């Protein structure tokens, strides 16, 4: 795992996709995930009660990297009342009639809540870039120039800084799966009847653009990482190790916020004592 905060550029080809040999034990990783989820349950309750911070978790990855399983794992101990999960697919006609950040901005979590994005506004500098879909985004021709992607990186970085200044903590995870591991997982979807429903011909089509996507991800990560909204590159070939890393990062981040339940004033405590006395007399 590597945290990218914008202080240095990275090359994805140099980033590991698998866990170190000494950290591949499934039982150990599952136990760590379970312990982290228990901590998250308490931390989320404090954040919800305090109602000052919000937490946004952004998950980006190549197909079959394990985003869905990761999200199920991370959210398994969270209170649904304080959790919002959004999956961003092809934009609707209404969404295309707005700026590209509109559909995600209106989905960011409220104060006290945890928001999870399965894909995000980053699709507009990834799939849109790889497949040259910018020409279909109803923009004036004059705005589609050689600076379009740098301008969008600037927009995203400014948006994330703005949200940070309003109490939102944003953690961005790139699940870094290898091309060989992706192939194994896609084949599993074809060969296992229980997984056939997961298979999409689009997975095969998109795999042909592997190098282009890697370049687009690398560029996006390098241009949008910051101290307040860092990227985490997670080795994703081993699912349990990846889940342990992500859950540990979330716990560590929330613990750093000094979350606490609101404290009552002496007057409020006195009133509570009075209410208790009334109940005991019934």
Foldseek 3Di string as FASTA:
>chain_A
DDWFAQPDADALVPDAQDDDPVPQDLVVLVVLLVVLLVLVQVLLVLQLQVQQAEEEEEEDEAPPLCPVVLVCSNCVSYDPVQEAEDEDDDDDPVCLVDPLQVVVVVQGGGGSHYYYYNHHSLCCLFVCVLVVVPVVSPDPPVQPDPCNNVVVLVVLLVVLVVVVVRRYQAEYEYNSHDLVLSVVSQVCLVPPPVNVVVHDVVSVVVSVCVVVRSVSVSVSQNSRRHPRYIYDYANRSRPSRSSSVVSVVVSVVSVVVPRGRDDDDPVVVVVVVVVVVVVVVD
